[in-house]
N, C-alpha and C. Protein backbone atom coordinates (compact mmCIF):
# COMPACT_ATOMS: atom_id res chain seq x y z
N UNK A 1 27.22 3.96 1.33
CA UNK A 1 26.22 2.84 0.39
C UNK A 1 25.82 2.39 1.52
N UNK A 2 26.13 1.56 2.45
CA UNK A 2 25.50 1.23 3.78
C UNK A 2 24.80 2.10 4.57
N UNK A 3 24.90 3.37 4.60
CA UNK A 3 23.92 4.46 5.18
C UNK A 3 22.68 4.40 4.08
N UNK A 4 22.96 4.93 2.53
CA UNK A 4 21.59 4.50 1.93
C UNK A 4 20.73 3.16 2.04
N UNK A 5 21.15 2.19 2.19
CA UNK A 5 20.70 0.96 2.50
C UNK A 5 19.93 0.94 3.51
N UNK A 6 20.51 1.33 4.74
CA UNK A 6 19.59 1.69 6.20
C UNK A 6 19.03 2.63 6.01
N UNK A 7 18.99 3.71 5.22
CA UNK A 7 17.73 4.37 4.96
C UNK A 7 16.52 3.81 4.11
N UNK A 8 16.86 3.15 3.23
CA UNK A 8 16.20 2.61 2.28
C UNK A 8 15.25 1.54 3.13
N UNK A 9 16.09 0.84 4.30
CA UNK A 9 15.43 -0.14 5.12
C UNK A 9 14.49 0.40 6.16
N UNK A 10 14.68 1.33 6.69
CA UNK A 10 13.65 2.14 7.45
C UNK A 10 12.86 2.33 6.94
N UNK A 11 13.05 3.44 5.76
CA UNK A 11 11.44 3.78 5.02
C UNK A 11 10.83 2.83 4.47
N UNK A 12 10.92 1.25 4.41
CA UNK A 12 10.01 0.31 4.29
C UNK A 12 9.84 -0.18 5.12
N UNK A 13 10.28 0.22 6.77
CA UNK A 13 9.41 -0.37 7.74
C UNK A 13 8.26 0.84 7.76
N UNK A 14 8.86 1.84 7.95
CA UNK A 14 8.26 2.84 8.13
C UNK A 14 6.69 2.91 7.36
N UNK A 15 6.90 2.41 6.05
CA UNK A 15 5.84 2.47 5.42
C UNK A 15 4.63 1.38 5.32
N UNK A 16 5.18 0.44 6.32
CA UNK A 16 4.50 -0.91 6.71
C UNK A 16 3.82 -0.10 8.00
N UNK A 17 4.22 0.58 8.83
CA UNK A 17 3.84 0.69 10.14
C UNK A 17 3.15 1.69 9.94
N UNK A 18 2.75 2.57 9.11
CA UNK A 18 1.95 3.70 9.08
C UNK A 18 0.91 3.72 8.57
N UNK A 19 -0.14 2.62 8.62
CA UNK A 19 -1.35 2.56 7.93
C UNK A 19 -1.16 2.17 6.35
N UNK A 20 -0.35 1.92 6.02
CA UNK A 20 -0.03 1.97 4.48
C UNK A 20 -0.61 0.40 4.24
N UNK A 21 -1.36 0.58 3.10
CA UNK A 21 -1.69 -1.07 2.90
C UNK A 21 -0.45 -1.97 2.33
N UNK A 22 -0.94 -3.15 2.85
CA UNK A 22 0.16 -4.04 2.30
C UNK A 22 -0.12 -4.67 0.98
N UNK A 23 0.96 -4.64 0.05
CA UNK A 23 0.70 -4.69 -1.48
C UNK A 23 0.89 -6.32 -1.49
N UNK A 24 -0.13 -7.33 -1.68
CA UNK A 24 0.49 -8.62 -1.64
C UNK A 24 1.24 -9.34 -2.55
N UNK A 25 2.08 -9.84 -2.90
CA UNK A 25 2.78 -10.27 -3.98
C UNK A 25 2.02 -11.34 -5.03
N UNK A 26 1.96 -11.63 -5.44
CA UNK A 26 1.28 -13.08 -6.73
C UNK A 26 1.48 -14.19 -5.82
N UNK A 27 0.74 -14.88 -6.49
CA UNK A 27 0.86 -16.23 -5.69
C UNK A 27 1.64 -16.92 -6.67
N UNK A 28 2.32 -18.05 -5.75
CA UNK A 28 3.98 -18.61 -6.30
C UNK A 28 3.08 -19.16 -7.58
N UNK A 29 4.34 -19.37 -8.65
CA UNK A 29 4.21 -20.49 -9.82
C UNK A 29 4.16 -22.12 -9.35
N UNK A 30 4.77 -22.26 -8.22
CA UNK A 30 5.60 -23.64 -7.91
C UNK A 30 4.31 -23.95 -6.36
N UNK A 31 3.83 -25.27 -6.89
CA UNK A 31 3.32 -25.92 -5.51
C UNK A 31 4.07 -25.85 -4.34
N UNK A 32 3.70 -25.62 -2.79
CA UNK A 32 4.35 -25.50 -2.04
C UNK A 32 3.62 -26.14 -0.69
N UNK A 33 4.23 -26.50 0.21
CA UNK A 33 3.55 -27.14 1.27
C UNK A 33 2.91 -26.07 2.57
N UNK A 34 3.35 -25.19 1.79
CA UNK A 34 2.12 -23.88 2.72
C UNK A 34 0.87 -23.54 1.96
N UNK A 35 0.35 -24.42 1.25
CA UNK A 35 -0.99 -24.52 0.32
C UNK A 35 -1.52 -25.52 1.65
N UNK A 36 -0.56 -26.05 2.61
CA UNK A 36 -1.90 -26.69 4.36
C UNK A 36 -1.21 -25.93 5.25
N UNK A 37 -1.03 -25.04 4.76
CA UNK A 37 -0.88 -23.95 6.01
C UNK A 37 -2.44 -23.46 6.29
N UNK A 38 -2.40 -23.00 7.59
CA UNK A 38 -3.32 -22.60 8.01
C UNK A 38 -3.60 -20.94 7.59
N UNK A 39 -4.90 -20.49 7.88
CA UNK A 39 -4.90 -19.21 7.92
C UNK A 39 -4.73 -18.75 8.95
N UNK A 40 -4.62 -18.89 9.76
CA UNK A 40 -4.04 -18.33 11.34
C UNK A 40 -2.10 -18.39 11.07
N UNK A 41 -2.30 -19.64 10.30
CA UNK A 41 -0.41 -19.83 10.57
C UNK A 41 -0.14 -18.79 9.66
N UNK A 42 -0.81 -18.37 8.44
CA UNK A 42 -0.39 -17.30 7.26
C UNK A 42 -0.33 -16.32 7.79
N UNK A 43 -1.50 -15.90 8.46
CA UNK A 43 -1.41 -14.38 8.88
C UNK A 43 -0.20 -14.00 10.31
N UNK A 44 0.12 -15.46 11.20
CA UNK A 44 1.51 -15.11 11.93
C UNK A 44 2.50 -14.91 11.58
N UNK A 45 2.33 -15.59 10.14
CA UNK A 45 3.64 -15.60 9.42
C UNK A 45 3.90 -14.08 8.93
N UNK A 46 2.98 -13.65 8.12
CA UNK A 46 2.96 -12.43 7.53
C UNK A 46 3.17 -10.92 8.63
N UNK A 47 2.55 -11.07 9.86
CA UNK A 47 2.67 -10.79 10.69
C UNK A 47 4.51 -10.29 11.51
N UNK A 48 4.78 -11.53 11.77
CA UNK A 48 6.19 -11.94 11.71
C UNK A 48 7.11 -11.22 10.66
N UNK A 49 7.32 -11.47 9.37
CA UNK A 49 7.86 -11.07 8.26
C UNK A 49 7.38 -9.89 8.08
N UNK A 50 6.48 -9.15 8.34
CA UNK A 50 6.49 -7.54 8.48
C UNK A 50 7.18 -7.02 9.49
N UNK A 51 7.55 -7.44 10.92
CA UNK A 51 8.17 -7.04 11.93
C UNK A 51 9.99 -6.97 11.91
N UNK A 52 9.80 -8.32 11.36
CA UNK A 52 11.62 -9.26 11.28
C UNK A 52 12.12 -8.85 9.95
N UNK A 53 11.39 -9.24 8.76
CA UNK A 53 11.92 -9.59 7.73
C UNK A 53 12.16 -8.28 6.52
N UNK A 54 11.09 -7.34 6.20
CA UNK A 54 10.58 -6.31 5.63
C UNK A 54 12.19 -5.20 5.62
N UNK A 55 12.89 -5.15 6.55
CA UNK A 55 13.71 -4.21 6.40
C UNK A 55 14.94 -4.49 5.72
N UNK A 56 15.29 -5.94 5.21
CA UNK A 56 16.41 -6.63 4.40
C UNK A 56 15.60 -7.02 3.07
N UNK A 57 14.45 -7.81 3.26
CA UNK A 57 13.93 -8.33 2.28
C UNK A 57 12.70 -7.55 1.45
N UNK A 58 12.66 -6.22 1.73
CA UNK A 58 10.93 -5.68 1.35
C UNK A 58 9.79 -6.22 1.78
N UNK A 59 9.18 -5.19 1.33
CA UNK A 59 7.59 -5.53 1.62
C UNK A 59 6.91 -6.95 1.11
N UNK A 60 8.10 -6.64 -0.71
CA UNK A 60 7.01 -8.13 -1.55
C UNK A 60 7.83 -9.12 -1.77
N UNK A 61 9.17 -8.94 -0.44
CA UNK A 61 10.37 -10.14 -0.75
C UNK A 61 11.52 -9.94 -1.75
N UNK A 62 11.03 -8.78 -2.87
CA UNK A 62 12.22 -8.72 -3.89
C UNK A 62 13.42 -7.95 -3.21
N UNK A 63 13.55 -7.56 -2.05
CA UNK A 63 15.27 -7.95 -1.56
C UNK A 63 15.44 -6.05 -1.27
N UNK A 64 16.01 -5.39 -0.45
CA UNK A 64 16.65 -4.50 -0.10
C UNK A 64 17.90 -4.94 0.08
N UNK A 65 18.90 -5.25 1.52
CA UNK A 65 19.90 -5.44 1.20
C UNK A 65 20.18 -6.99 1.30
N UNK A 66 19.12 -7.82 1.74
CA UNK A 66 18.78 -9.47 1.70
C UNK A 66 18.24 -9.91 0.35
N UNK A 67 18.79 -11.05 -0.18
CA UNK A 67 18.42 -11.17 -1.44
C UNK A 67 17.15 -11.40 -1.62
N UNK A 68 16.34 -11.48 -2.82
CA UNK A 68 15.18 -11.75 -3.24
C UNK A 68 14.40 -13.04 -2.71
N UNK A 69 13.38 -12.97 -2.05
CA UNK A 69 13.06 -14.32 -1.42
C UNK A 69 11.54 -13.92 -1.65
N UNK A 70 11.12 -13.72 -2.74
CA UNK A 70 9.24 -13.86 -3.54
C UNK A 70 9.41 -15.83 -3.56
N UNK A 71 8.19 -16.04 -3.51
CA UNK A 71 8.01 -17.48 -3.67
C UNK A 71 8.72 -18.00 -4.66
N UNK A 72 8.34 -17.70 -5.89
CA UNK A 72 9.24 -18.19 -7.15
C UNK A 72 10.54 -18.26 -7.06
N UNK A 73 11.30 -17.19 -6.57
CA UNK A 73 12.90 -17.19 -6.53
C UNK A 73 12.94 -18.29 -5.22
N UNK A 74 12.46 -18.09 -3.79
CA UNK A 74 13.17 -18.89 -2.65
C UNK A 74 12.88 -20.30 -3.61
N UNK A 75 11.24 -21.22 -4.20
CA UNK A 75 11.34 -22.51 -4.10
C UNK A 75 12.35 -22.72 -5.10
N UNK A 76 13.04 -22.02 -6.05
CA UNK A 76 14.14 -22.26 -6.99
C UNK A 76 15.12 -22.73 -6.44
N UNK A 77 16.05 -21.82 -5.41
CA UNK A 77 16.66 -22.05 -4.75
C UNK A 77 16.65 -23.30 -3.46
N UNK A 78 15.45 -23.23 -2.61
CA UNK A 78 15.38 -23.91 -1.37
C UNK A 78 14.08 -24.65 -1.85
N UNK A 79 14.14 -25.86 -2.31
CA UNK A 79 13.04 -26.46 -2.49
C UNK A 79 11.92 -27.19 -1.42
N UNK A 80 12.74 -27.04 -0.15
CA UNK A 80 12.31 -27.79 1.15
C UNK A 80 12.21 -26.60 2.39
N UNK A 81 10.97 -26.94 3.04
CA UNK A 81 10.77 -25.64 3.88
C UNK A 81 11.54 -26.08 4.81
N UNK A 82 12.35 -27.15 5.02
CA UNK A 82 13.61 -27.42 6.49
C UNK A 82 14.56 -26.75 5.86
N UNK A 83 15.12 -26.65 5.10
CA UNK A 83 16.12 -25.73 4.46
C UNK A 83 16.00 -24.17 5.13
N UNK A 84 15.02 -23.51 4.58
CA UNK A 84 14.55 -22.16 4.77
C UNK A 84 14.55 -22.24 6.29
N UNK A 85 13.69 -22.83 6.96
CA UNK A 85 13.74 -22.93 8.30
C UNK A 85 15.40 -22.69 9.42
N UNK A 86 15.90 -23.67 8.46
CA UNK A 86 17.36 -23.35 8.98
C UNK A 86 18.43 -22.86 9.36
N UNK A 87 18.05 -22.08 7.72
CA UNK A 87 18.86 -20.27 7.37
C UNK A 87 17.97 -19.77 8.39
N UNK A 88 16.55 -19.50 8.74
CA UNK A 88 15.99 -18.58 9.23
C UNK A 88 16.33 -18.51 10.75
N UNK A 89 16.86 -20.00 11.73
CA UNK A 89 17.19 -20.34 12.88
C UNK A 89 18.51 -20.07 12.79
N UNK A 90 19.35 -20.68 12.32
CA UNK A 90 20.72 -20.56 12.58
C UNK A 90 21.83 -19.19 11.73
N UNK A 91 21.23 -18.55 11.09
CA UNK A 91 21.57 -17.47 9.71
C UNK A 91 22.46 -18.20 8.87
N UNK A 92 22.69 -17.07 7.81
CA UNK A 92 23.30 -17.72 6.85
C UNK A 92 24.01 -16.31 6.09
N UNK A 93 25.53 -16.52 6.45
CA UNK A 93 26.60 -15.23 5.94
C UNK A 93 25.90 -13.87 6.22
N UNK A 94 25.20 -12.68 5.79
CA UNK A 94 24.80 -11.97 6.36
C UNK A 94 23.60 -11.99 7.19
N UNK A 95 22.59 -13.20 6.74
CA UNK A 95 21.41 -13.31 7.34
C UNK A 95 21.81 -13.61 9.01
N UNK A 96 20.93 -12.96 9.97
CA UNK A 96 20.87 -13.20 11.27
C UNK A 96 20.31 -14.40 11.74
N UNK A 97 20.69 -14.76 12.67
CA UNK A 97 19.94 -16.13 13.32
C UNK A 97 18.86 -15.85 14.05
N UNK A 98 17.70 -16.11 14.00
CA UNK A 98 16.53 -15.77 14.33
C UNK A 98 16.29 -16.54 15.37
N UNK A 99 16.72 -17.89 15.94
CA UNK A 99 16.34 -19.02 16.94
C UNK A 99 16.28 -18.94 18.11
N UNK A 100 17.14 -17.23 18.60
CA UNK A 100 16.65 -16.96 19.66
C UNK A 100 15.69 -15.37 19.54
N UNK A 101 15.03 -15.14 18.57
CA UNK A 101 14.32 -14.29 18.66
C UNK A 101 12.83 -14.44 18.47
N UNK A 102 12.59 -15.92 17.91
CA UNK A 102 11.36 -16.28 17.44
C UNK A 102 11.31 -17.22 18.29
N UNK A 103 9.96 -17.86 18.15
CA UNK A 103 9.56 -19.17 18.62
C UNK A 103 9.89 -20.03 17.45
N UNK A 104 9.55 -21.35 17.64
CA UNK A 104 9.74 -22.28 16.69
C UNK A 104 8.50 -22.07 15.51
N UNK A 105 7.11 -21.78 16.55
CA UNK A 105 5.81 -21.62 15.52
C UNK A 105 5.82 -20.17 14.99
N UNK A 106 6.56 -19.33 15.20
CA UNK A 106 6.82 -18.00 14.44
C UNK A 106 7.93 -18.48 13.42
N UNK A 107 8.84 -19.45 13.41
CA UNK A 107 9.98 -19.63 12.48
C UNK A 107 8.86 -20.48 11.56
N UNK A 108 8.25 -21.26 11.97
CA UNK A 108 7.42 -22.48 10.79
C UNK A 108 6.19 -21.45 10.27
N UNK A 109 5.51 -20.47 10.59
CA UNK A 109 4.85 -19.13 10.38
C UNK A 109 5.20 -18.66 9.07
N UNK A 110 6.52 -18.01 9.78
CA UNK A 110 7.39 -17.04 8.36
C UNK A 110 7.32 -17.78 6.98
N UNK A 111 8.26 -19.13 7.52
CA UNK A 111 8.40 -19.54 6.27
C UNK A 111 7.21 -20.31 5.22
N UNK A 112 6.36 -20.51 5.59
CA UNK A 112 4.98 -20.79 5.31
C UNK A 112 4.40 -19.67 4.17
N UNK A 113 4.84 -18.44 5.18
CA UNK A 113 4.64 -17.05 4.36
C UNK A 113 5.40 -16.62 3.04
N UNK A 114 6.58 -17.14 3.33
CA UNK A 114 7.18 -16.79 2.63
C UNK A 114 7.65 -17.70 1.52
N UNK A 115 7.41 -19.23 1.56
CA UNK A 115 7.47 -19.88 0.65
C UNK A 115 5.78 -19.95 -0.44
N UNK A 116 4.90 -19.14 0.19
CA UNK A 116 3.68 -18.98 -0.52
C UNK A 116 2.43 -18.56 -0.07
N UNK A 117 2.62 -18.75 0.98
CA UNK A 117 1.17 -17.99 1.96
C UNK A 117 1.02 -16.55 1.62
N UNK A 118 1.76 -16.30 0.91
CA UNK A 118 1.07 -14.29 0.54
C UNK A 118 0.30 -14.37 -0.75
N UNK A 119 -0.08 -15.41 -1.28
CA UNK A 119 -0.61 -15.29 -2.59
C UNK A 119 -2.07 -15.47 -2.26
């Protein structure tokens, strides 16, 4: 099962980097503070997401080995950007910490992207 999950994660990563078009998820049903994010911040968040998150959370955020983090799902569970930022920085359960791998700017950008900037 673990091997299958790893293969699926690699396939998701490979499909993103091979020139395949990124399929944008639908816009969130809930308003979020990401509506105030700049286009540059959203672009940075998308880039970080595709490099660091897609292997566990899938291109559309629906989850592979990680949970579903599409905007409607993540906003139901974590209403504030600060709550999501803490998880990205410090990790939670099987989610690794990214404080040592990403800058504060990158963390803020990927959180804005996940919270609804991809719509």
